[in-house]
Amino acid sequence: MRQPITIRRASAADREILYHMICSLENTILDRPGFDAAFDRNVANPNISYFLAELDGKPIGIVSCHIQPLLHHAALVSEIQEMYVEPEYRSQQVGKALMEHVTAFAKGEGAIQMEVTSRATREQAHRFYQREGFEKSHVKLVRYFKNE
């Protein structure tokens, strides 16, 4: 019988796990000093939370939740900036469990909505988010400073 998926808040001690998962999400080896600087800043920020899904104590997925007051909503808005499930655990309800957890967390913090951005090429992820109640309602534009 399979053990249930557990979800817990990630801490500074989970740095290596998060680094591995975010590199896998981006399909690249991220600049380690840059990652560490962002990680240290984010893990200390009360408006940013990371949650790890585990099965039998093994990390199998992650989701981030950033909550901030936005003037154009006149309220708190939550945003998922990273979500990743290890490939061998996909289509096994891990993403759904993470989504349920992060949604309950954001609502409990008083957020009026949740947003997520996903690369245009990640069509499977788009279908997942739409199944979870997200609507395609905005267009994201990016200006890359490295080219200037």
N, C-alpha and C. Protein backbone atom coordinates (compact mmCIF):
# COMPACT_ATOMS: atom_id res chain seq x y z
N MET A 1 0.84 -1.19 0.00
CA MET A 1 0.00 0.00 0.00
C MET A 1 0.88 1.25 0.00
N ARG A 2 0.55 2.19 -0.86
CA ARG A 2 1.33 3.41 -0.99
C ARG A 2 1.04 4.37 0.16
N GLN A 3 2.10 4.95 0.69
CA GLN A 3 1.97 5.95 1.75
C GLN A 3 1.39 7.23 1.17
N PRO A 4 0.72 8.02 1.99
CA PRO A 4 0.18 9.29 1.48
C PRO A 4 1.29 10.32 1.25
N ILE A 5 1.02 11.21 0.34
CA ILE A 5 1.93 12.33 0.08
C ILE A 5 1.81 13.29 1.25
N THR A 6 2.93 13.74 1.78
CA THR A 6 2.92 14.76 2.82
C THR A 6 3.48 16.04 2.22
N ILE A 7 2.99 17.15 2.72
CA ILE A 7 3.46 18.45 2.25
C ILE A 7 3.85 19.27 3.47
N ARG A 8 5.04 19.84 3.39
CA ARG A 8 5.54 20.66 4.49
C ARG A 8 6.20 21.92 3.94
N ARG A 9 6.30 22.92 4.80
CA ARG A 9 6.98 24.15 4.41
C ARG A 9 8.47 23.87 4.31
N ALA A 10 9.08 24.30 3.24
CA ALA A 10 10.52 24.15 3.08
C ALA A 10 11.24 25.17 3.95
N SER A 11 12.45 24.83 4.34
CA SER A 11 13.25 25.73 5.18
C SER A 11 14.63 25.91 4.56
N ALA A 12 15.47 26.68 5.22
CA ALA A 12 16.83 26.91 4.75
C ALA A 12 17.59 25.60 4.60
N ALA A 13 17.25 24.61 5.39
CA ALA A 13 17.91 23.31 5.32
C ALA A 13 17.60 22.56 4.02
N ASP A 14 16.61 23.01 3.28
CA ASP A 14 16.20 22.35 2.03
C ASP A 14 16.83 22.97 0.79
N ARG A 15 17.86 23.77 0.97
CA ARG A 15 18.51 24.49 -0.13
C ARG A 15 18.88 23.56 -1.29
N GLU A 16 19.54 22.43 -1.01
CA GLU A 16 20.01 21.54 -2.07
C GLU A 16 18.84 20.91 -2.83
N ILE A 17 17.79 20.57 -2.12
CA ILE A 17 16.60 19.99 -2.75
C ILE A 17 15.98 21.00 -3.71
N LEU A 18 15.81 22.23 -3.22
CA LEU A 18 15.22 23.26 -4.07
C LEU A 18 16.11 23.56 -5.27
N TYR A 19 17.42 23.61 -5.05
CA TYR A 19 18.33 23.88 -6.17
C TYR A 19 18.16 22.80 -7.26
N HIS A 20 18.16 21.55 -6.85
CA HIS A 20 18.00 20.45 -7.81
C HIS A 20 16.67 20.58 -8.56
N MET A 21 15.59 20.82 -7.84
CA MET A 21 14.27 20.86 -8.48
C MET A 21 14.12 22.07 -9.40
N ILE A 22 14.64 23.22 -9.00
CA ILE A 22 14.52 24.41 -9.84
C ILE A 22 15.40 24.28 -11.08
N CYS A 23 16.59 23.69 -10.94
CA CYS A 23 17.42 23.41 -12.12
C CYS A 23 16.69 22.46 -13.07
N SER A 24 16.04 21.46 -12.52
CA SER A 24 15.29 20.52 -13.36
C SER A 24 14.11 21.22 -14.03
N LEU A 25 13.42 22.08 -13.28
CA LEU A 25 12.30 22.84 -13.84
C LEU A 25 12.75 23.67 -15.04
N GLU A 26 13.89 24.33 -14.89
CA GLU A 26 14.40 25.20 -15.95
C GLU A 26 15.24 24.46 -16.98
N ASN A 27 15.49 23.16 -16.73
CA ASN A 27 16.28 22.34 -17.64
C ASN A 27 17.66 22.93 -17.91
N THR A 28 18.29 23.39 -16.81
CA THR A 28 19.61 23.99 -16.91
C THR A 28 20.28 23.93 -15.55
N ILE A 29 21.58 24.15 -15.53
CA ILE A 29 22.30 24.29 -14.27
C ILE A 29 22.33 25.79 -13.97
N LEU A 30 21.63 26.20 -12.95
CA LEU A 30 21.56 27.62 -12.60
C LEU A 30 22.84 28.10 -11.94
N ASP A 31 23.14 29.36 -12.11
CA ASP A 31 24.27 29.99 -11.45
C ASP A 31 24.12 29.81 -9.94
N ARG A 32 25.04 29.09 -9.34
CA ARG A 32 24.88 28.74 -7.92
C ARG A 32 24.95 29.95 -7.00
N PRO A 33 25.92 30.86 -7.14
CA PRO A 33 25.91 32.04 -6.25
C PRO A 33 24.63 32.87 -6.41
N GLY A 34 24.14 32.99 -7.64
CA GLY A 34 22.90 33.73 -7.86
C GLY A 34 21.71 33.04 -7.22
N PHE A 35 21.65 31.71 -7.37
CA PHE A 35 20.58 30.94 -6.74
C PHE A 35 20.64 31.10 -5.23
N ASP A 36 21.83 30.93 -4.66
CA ASP A 36 21.97 31.02 -3.20
C ASP A 36 21.57 32.39 -2.67
N ALA A 37 21.95 33.45 -3.38
CA ALA A 37 21.57 34.80 -2.94
C ALA A 37 20.05 34.97 -2.97
N ALA A 38 19.42 34.50 -4.05
CA ALA A 38 17.96 34.60 -4.14
C ALA A 38 17.29 33.73 -3.09
N PHE A 39 17.81 32.53 -2.89
CA PHE A 39 17.24 31.61 -1.90
C PHE A 39 17.31 32.22 -0.50
N ASP A 40 18.48 32.71 -0.12
CA ASP A 40 18.64 33.30 1.22
C ASP A 40 17.67 34.47 1.42
N ARG A 41 17.55 35.29 0.43
CA ARG A 41 16.64 36.44 0.53
C ARG A 41 15.18 35.99 0.62
N ASN A 42 14.81 35.04 -0.24
CA ASN A 42 13.42 34.59 -0.29
C ASN A 42 13.01 33.80 0.94
N VAL A 43 13.88 32.91 1.42
CA VAL A 43 13.50 32.07 2.56
C VAL A 43 13.33 32.92 3.82
N ALA A 44 13.96 34.10 3.86
CA ALA A 44 13.83 35.00 5.00
C ALA A 44 12.64 35.96 4.84
N ASN A 45 12.03 35.98 3.67
CA ASN A 45 10.94 36.90 3.38
C ASN A 45 9.61 36.30 3.84
N PRO A 46 8.89 36.97 4.74
CA PRO A 46 7.62 36.40 5.22
C PRO A 46 6.53 36.34 4.16
N ASN A 47 6.73 37.01 3.02
CA ASN A 47 5.73 37.00 1.94
C ASN A 47 5.97 35.89 0.93
N ILE A 48 7.03 35.10 1.13
CA ILE A 48 7.36 34.02 0.20
C ILE A 48 7.45 32.72 0.97
N SER A 49 6.74 31.71 0.47
CA SER A 49 6.75 30.39 1.10
C SER A 49 7.01 29.33 0.05
N TYR A 50 7.76 28.31 0.45
CA TYR A 50 8.01 27.16 -0.41
C TYR A 50 7.47 25.93 0.30
N PHE A 51 6.81 25.06 -0.46
CA PHE A 51 6.24 23.84 0.11
C PHE A 51 6.78 22.64 -0.66
N LEU A 52 7.22 21.64 0.09
CA LEU A 52 7.76 20.40 -0.48
C LEU A 52 6.76 19.27 -0.32
N ALA A 53 6.54 18.54 -1.40
CA ALA A 53 5.77 17.30 -1.33
C ALA A 53 6.76 16.17 -1.13
N GLU A 54 6.42 15.26 -0.22
CA GLU A 54 7.29 14.12 0.07
C GLU A 54 6.48 12.83 0.06
N LEU A 55 7.15 11.78 -0.33
CA LEU A 55 6.57 10.44 -0.29
C LEU A 55 7.58 9.56 0.42
N ASP A 56 7.19 9.00 1.54
CA ASP A 56 8.10 8.20 2.37
C ASP A 56 9.36 8.99 2.72
N GLY A 57 9.22 10.29 2.96
CA GLY A 57 10.35 11.13 3.33
C GLY A 57 11.21 11.60 2.17
N LYS A 58 10.88 11.18 0.95
CA LYS A 58 11.64 11.57 -0.23
C LYS A 58 10.97 12.77 -0.90
N PRO A 59 11.71 13.87 -1.12
CA PRO A 59 11.13 15.03 -1.81
C PRO A 59 10.78 14.68 -3.25
N ILE A 60 9.53 14.98 -3.64
CA ILE A 60 9.10 14.65 -5.00
C ILE A 60 8.47 15.83 -5.75
N GLY A 61 8.30 16.96 -5.06
CA GLY A 61 7.73 18.12 -5.73
C GLY A 61 7.83 19.36 -4.88
N ILE A 62 7.66 20.50 -5.51
CA ILE A 62 7.75 21.79 -4.83
C ILE A 62 6.78 22.78 -5.46
N VAL A 63 6.31 23.69 -4.64
CA VAL A 63 5.54 24.83 -5.14
C VAL A 63 5.90 26.05 -4.30
N SER A 64 5.98 27.19 -4.95
CA SER A 64 6.24 28.43 -4.23
C SER A 64 4.95 29.24 -4.17
N CYS A 65 4.88 30.08 -3.15
CA CYS A 65 3.73 30.98 -3.03
C CYS A 65 4.22 32.35 -2.57
N HIS A 66 4.05 33.32 -3.42
CA HIS A 66 4.40 34.70 -3.10
C HIS A 66 3.08 35.44 -2.89
N ILE A 67 2.97 36.14 -1.78
CA ILE A 67 1.75 36.90 -1.50
C ILE A 67 2.14 38.35 -1.27
N GLN A 68 1.47 39.23 -2.00
CA GLN A 68 1.79 40.64 -1.86
C GLN A 68 0.54 41.50 -2.07
N PRO A 69 0.53 42.66 -1.43
CA PRO A 69 -0.58 43.59 -1.67
C PRO A 69 -0.34 44.31 -3.00
N LEU A 70 -1.34 44.26 -3.88
CA LEU A 70 -1.23 44.91 -5.17
C LEU A 70 -2.23 46.06 -5.24
N LEU A 71 -1.74 47.22 -5.60
CA LEU A 71 -2.60 48.40 -5.66
C LEU A 71 -3.74 48.21 -6.65
N HIS A 72 -3.47 47.61 -7.81
CA HIS A 72 -4.51 47.50 -8.83
C HIS A 72 -5.58 46.47 -8.47
N HIS A 73 -5.38 45.73 -7.39
CA HIS A 73 -6.42 44.85 -6.86
C HIS A 73 -6.95 45.36 -5.52
N ALA A 74 -6.23 46.29 -4.93
CA ALA A 74 -6.57 46.80 -3.60
C ALA A 74 -6.74 45.65 -2.61
N ALA A 75 -5.86 44.65 -2.75
CA ALA A 75 -5.97 43.44 -1.92
C ALA A 75 -4.68 42.63 -2.04
N LEU A 76 -4.61 41.56 -1.24
CA LEU A 76 -3.50 40.61 -1.34
C LEU A 76 -3.73 39.66 -2.51
N VAL A 77 -2.68 39.42 -3.27
CA VAL A 77 -2.73 38.50 -4.40
C VAL A 77 -1.60 37.49 -4.24
N SER A 78 -1.91 36.23 -4.46
CA SER A 78 -0.89 35.18 -4.38
C SER A 78 -0.44 34.81 -5.78
N GLU A 79 0.80 34.35 -5.85
CA GLU A 79 1.35 33.94 -7.14
C GLU A 79 2.24 32.72 -6.96
N ILE A 80 2.07 31.76 -7.83
CA ILE A 80 2.98 30.63 -7.91
C ILE A 80 4.08 31.04 -8.88
N GLN A 81 5.32 31.02 -8.42
CA GLN A 81 6.41 31.36 -9.33
C GLN A 81 7.20 30.13 -9.74
N GLU A 82 7.19 29.09 -8.93
CA GLU A 82 7.83 27.83 -9.29
C GLU A 82 6.94 26.68 -8.84
N MET A 83 6.80 25.70 -9.72
CA MET A 83 6.12 24.46 -9.35
C MET A 83 6.77 23.35 -10.15
N TYR A 84 7.12 22.28 -9.46
CA TYR A 84 7.84 21.19 -10.11
C TYR A 84 7.50 19.89 -9.42
N VAL A 85 7.31 18.85 -10.23
CA VAL A 85 7.13 17.49 -9.73
C VAL A 85 8.14 16.62 -10.46
N GLU A 86 8.86 15.78 -9.70
CA GLU A 86 9.84 14.87 -10.30
C GLU A 86 9.13 14.03 -11.37
N PRO A 87 9.79 13.83 -12.53
CA PRO A 87 9.14 13.16 -13.65
C PRO A 87 8.50 11.82 -13.32
N GLU A 88 9.14 11.01 -12.50
CA GLU A 88 8.59 9.68 -12.19
C GLU A 88 7.35 9.73 -11.31
N TYR A 89 7.01 10.91 -10.78
CA TYR A 89 5.83 11.06 -9.93
C TYR A 89 4.72 11.88 -10.59
N ARG A 90 4.92 12.27 -11.84
CA ARG A 90 3.89 13.04 -12.55
C ARG A 90 2.70 12.13 -12.87
N SER A 91 1.54 12.73 -12.99
CA SER A 91 0.28 12.02 -13.25
C SER A 91 -0.08 11.06 -12.12
N GLN A 92 0.39 11.38 -10.91
CA GLN A 92 0.07 10.58 -9.73
C GLN A 92 -0.54 11.45 -8.62
N GLN A 93 -1.12 12.58 -8.99
CA GLN A 93 -1.82 13.47 -8.08
C GLN A 93 -0.91 14.29 -7.18
N VAL A 94 0.40 14.30 -7.44
CA VAL A 94 1.32 15.11 -6.64
C VAL A 94 1.07 16.59 -6.89
N GLY A 95 0.98 16.98 -8.16
CA GLY A 95 0.70 18.37 -8.49
C GLY A 95 -0.62 18.83 -7.92
N LYS A 96 -1.62 17.97 -7.99
CA LYS A 96 -2.94 18.31 -7.43
C LYS A 96 -2.84 18.53 -5.92
N ALA A 97 -2.09 17.67 -5.24
CA ALA A 97 -1.93 17.81 -3.79
C ALA A 97 -1.20 19.11 -3.46
N LEU A 98 -0.15 19.42 -4.22
CA LEU A 98 0.55 20.68 -4.00
C LEU A 98 -0.37 21.88 -4.24
N MET A 99 -1.17 21.79 -5.31
CA MET A 99 -2.08 22.89 -5.64
C MET A 99 -3.13 23.08 -4.55
N GLU A 100 -3.69 22.00 -4.05
CA GLU A 100 -4.67 22.11 -2.98
C GLU A 100 -4.05 22.74 -1.74
N HIS A 101 -2.82 22.34 -1.43
CA HIS A 101 -2.15 22.88 -0.24
C HIS A 101 -1.86 24.37 -0.39
N VAL A 102 -1.28 24.75 -1.53
CA VAL A 102 -0.90 26.15 -1.72
C VAL A 102 -2.13 27.04 -1.83
N THR A 103 -3.20 26.52 -2.41
CA THR A 103 -4.44 27.30 -2.50
C THR A 103 -5.03 27.54 -1.12
N ALA A 104 -5.09 26.51 -0.30
CA ALA A 104 -5.61 26.66 1.06
C ALA A 104 -4.74 27.64 1.86
N PHE A 105 -3.43 27.54 1.68
CA PHE A 105 -2.51 28.45 2.36
C PHE A 105 -2.78 29.89 1.96
N ALA A 106 -2.86 30.16 0.65
CA ALA A 106 -3.06 31.53 0.16
C ALA A 106 -4.40 32.09 0.63
N LYS A 107 -5.44 31.29 0.57
CA LYS A 107 -6.75 31.74 1.05
C LYS A 107 -6.68 32.05 2.54
N GLY A 108 -6.00 31.20 3.29
CA GLY A 108 -5.86 31.41 4.72
C GLY A 108 -5.09 32.67 5.07
N GLU A 109 -4.21 33.10 4.17
CA GLU A 109 -3.45 34.34 4.36
C GLU A 109 -4.23 35.57 3.92
N GLY A 110 -5.41 35.35 3.32
CA GLY A 110 -6.26 36.46 2.91
C GLY A 110 -6.14 36.87 1.46
N ALA A 111 -5.45 36.09 0.65
CA ALA A 111 -5.33 36.42 -0.78
C ALA A 111 -6.68 36.28 -1.47
N ILE A 112 -6.94 37.18 -2.41
CA ILE A 112 -8.22 37.14 -3.13
C ILE A 112 -8.14 36.32 -4.41
N GLN A 113 -6.91 36.00 -4.86
CA GLN A 113 -6.76 35.21 -6.06
C GLN A 113 -5.34 34.66 -6.11
N MET A 114 -5.13 33.73 -7.04
CA MET A 114 -3.81 33.17 -7.27
C MET A 114 -3.50 33.29 -8.75
N GLU A 115 -2.27 33.66 -9.03
CA GLU A 115 -1.81 33.80 -10.41
C GLU A 115 -0.65 32.85 -10.64
N VAL A 116 -0.44 32.47 -11.89
CA VAL A 116 0.71 31.66 -12.27
C VAL A 116 1.09 32.04 -13.69
N THR A 117 2.39 32.04 -13.96
CA THR A 117 2.90 32.27 -15.30
C THR A 117 3.63 31.00 -15.73
N SER A 118 3.45 30.60 -16.97
CA SER A 118 4.08 29.40 -17.48
C SER A 118 4.55 29.65 -18.90
N ARG A 119 5.73 29.17 -19.23
CA ARG A 119 6.25 29.36 -20.59
C ARG A 119 5.22 28.89 -21.63
N ALA A 120 5.20 29.58 -22.74
CA ALA A 120 4.24 29.27 -23.81
C ALA A 120 4.39 27.83 -24.30
N THR A 121 5.59 27.28 -24.23
CA THR A 121 5.82 25.92 -24.74
C THR A 121 5.38 24.82 -23.78
N ARG A 122 5.05 25.16 -22.56
CA ARG A 122 4.68 24.15 -21.55
C ARG A 122 3.18 23.88 -21.57
N GLU A 123 2.72 23.34 -22.69
CA GLU A 123 1.29 23.15 -22.88
C GLU A 123 0.69 22.16 -21.88
N GLN A 124 1.42 21.14 -21.50
CA GLN A 124 0.91 20.19 -20.51
C GLN A 124 0.69 20.89 -19.17
N ALA A 125 1.61 21.77 -18.80
CA ALA A 125 1.44 22.54 -17.57
C ALA A 125 0.22 23.44 -17.67
N HIS A 126 0.00 24.04 -18.83
CA HIS A 126 -1.18 24.91 -19.01
C HIS A 126 -2.47 24.12 -18.80
N ARG A 127 -2.51 22.92 -19.36
CA ARG A 127 -3.71 22.08 -19.18
C ARG A 127 -3.91 21.74 -17.71
N PHE A 128 -2.82 21.44 -17.00
CA PHE A 128 -2.91 21.15 -15.57
C PHE A 128 -3.50 22.35 -14.83
N TYR A 129 -2.95 23.53 -15.06
CA TYR A 129 -3.44 24.72 -14.35
C TYR A 129 -4.90 25.00 -14.68
N GLN A 130 -5.29 24.81 -15.92
CA GLN A 130 -6.68 25.03 -16.28
C GLN A 130 -7.59 24.01 -15.59
N ARG A 131 -7.16 22.77 -15.47
CA ARG A 131 -7.93 21.78 -14.72
C ARG A 131 -8.07 22.18 -13.25
N GLU A 132 -7.08 22.91 -12.76
CA GLU A 132 -7.09 23.35 -11.36
C GLU A 132 -7.82 24.67 -11.17
N GLY A 133 -8.47 25.17 -12.21
CA GLY A 133 -9.33 26.34 -12.07
C GLY A 133 -8.74 27.66 -12.55
N PHE A 134 -7.53 27.65 -13.10
CA PHE A 134 -6.93 28.87 -13.62
C PHE A 134 -7.50 29.17 -15.00
N GLU A 135 -7.60 30.45 -15.31
CA GLU A 135 -8.08 30.90 -16.61
C GLU A 135 -6.99 31.67 -17.33
N LYS A 136 -6.91 31.48 -18.66
CA LYS A 136 -5.98 32.29 -19.45
C LYS A 136 -6.60 33.68 -19.60
N SER A 137 -6.02 34.65 -18.88
CA SER A 137 -6.64 35.97 -18.89
C SER A 137 -5.66 37.11 -19.15
N HIS A 138 -4.36 36.83 -19.13
CA HIS A 138 -3.36 37.87 -19.30
C HIS A 138 -2.29 37.42 -20.29
N VAL A 139 -1.53 38.37 -20.75
CA VAL A 139 -0.35 38.10 -21.57
C VAL A 139 0.84 38.63 -20.80
N LYS A 140 1.90 37.83 -20.72
CA LYS A 140 3.11 38.27 -20.04
C LYS A 140 4.14 38.67 -21.08
N LEU A 141 4.71 39.83 -20.91
CA LEU A 141 5.76 40.33 -21.78
C LEU A 141 7.03 40.46 -20.94
N VAL A 142 8.17 40.13 -21.52
CA VAL A 142 9.43 40.16 -20.79
C VAL A 142 10.45 40.98 -21.55
N ARG A 143 11.16 41.83 -20.86
CA ARG A 143 12.29 42.57 -21.42
C ARG A 143 13.56 42.03 -20.77
N TYR A 144 14.44 41.44 -21.55
CA TYR A 144 15.67 40.85 -21.04
C TYR A 144 16.78 41.89 -21.06
N PHE A 145 17.29 42.24 -19.89
CA PHE A 145 18.35 43.25 -19.77
C PHE A 145 19.70 42.74 -20.25
N LYS A 146 19.90 41.43 -20.26
CA LYS A 146 21.20 40.89 -20.66
C LYS A 146 21.53 41.23 -22.11
N ASN A 147 20.52 41.59 -22.89
CA ASN A 147 20.74 41.94 -24.29
C ASN A 147 21.01 43.42 -24.50
N GLU A 148 21.03 44.17 -23.42
CA GLU A 148 21.22 45.64 -23.55
C GLU A 148 22.61 46.06 -23.12
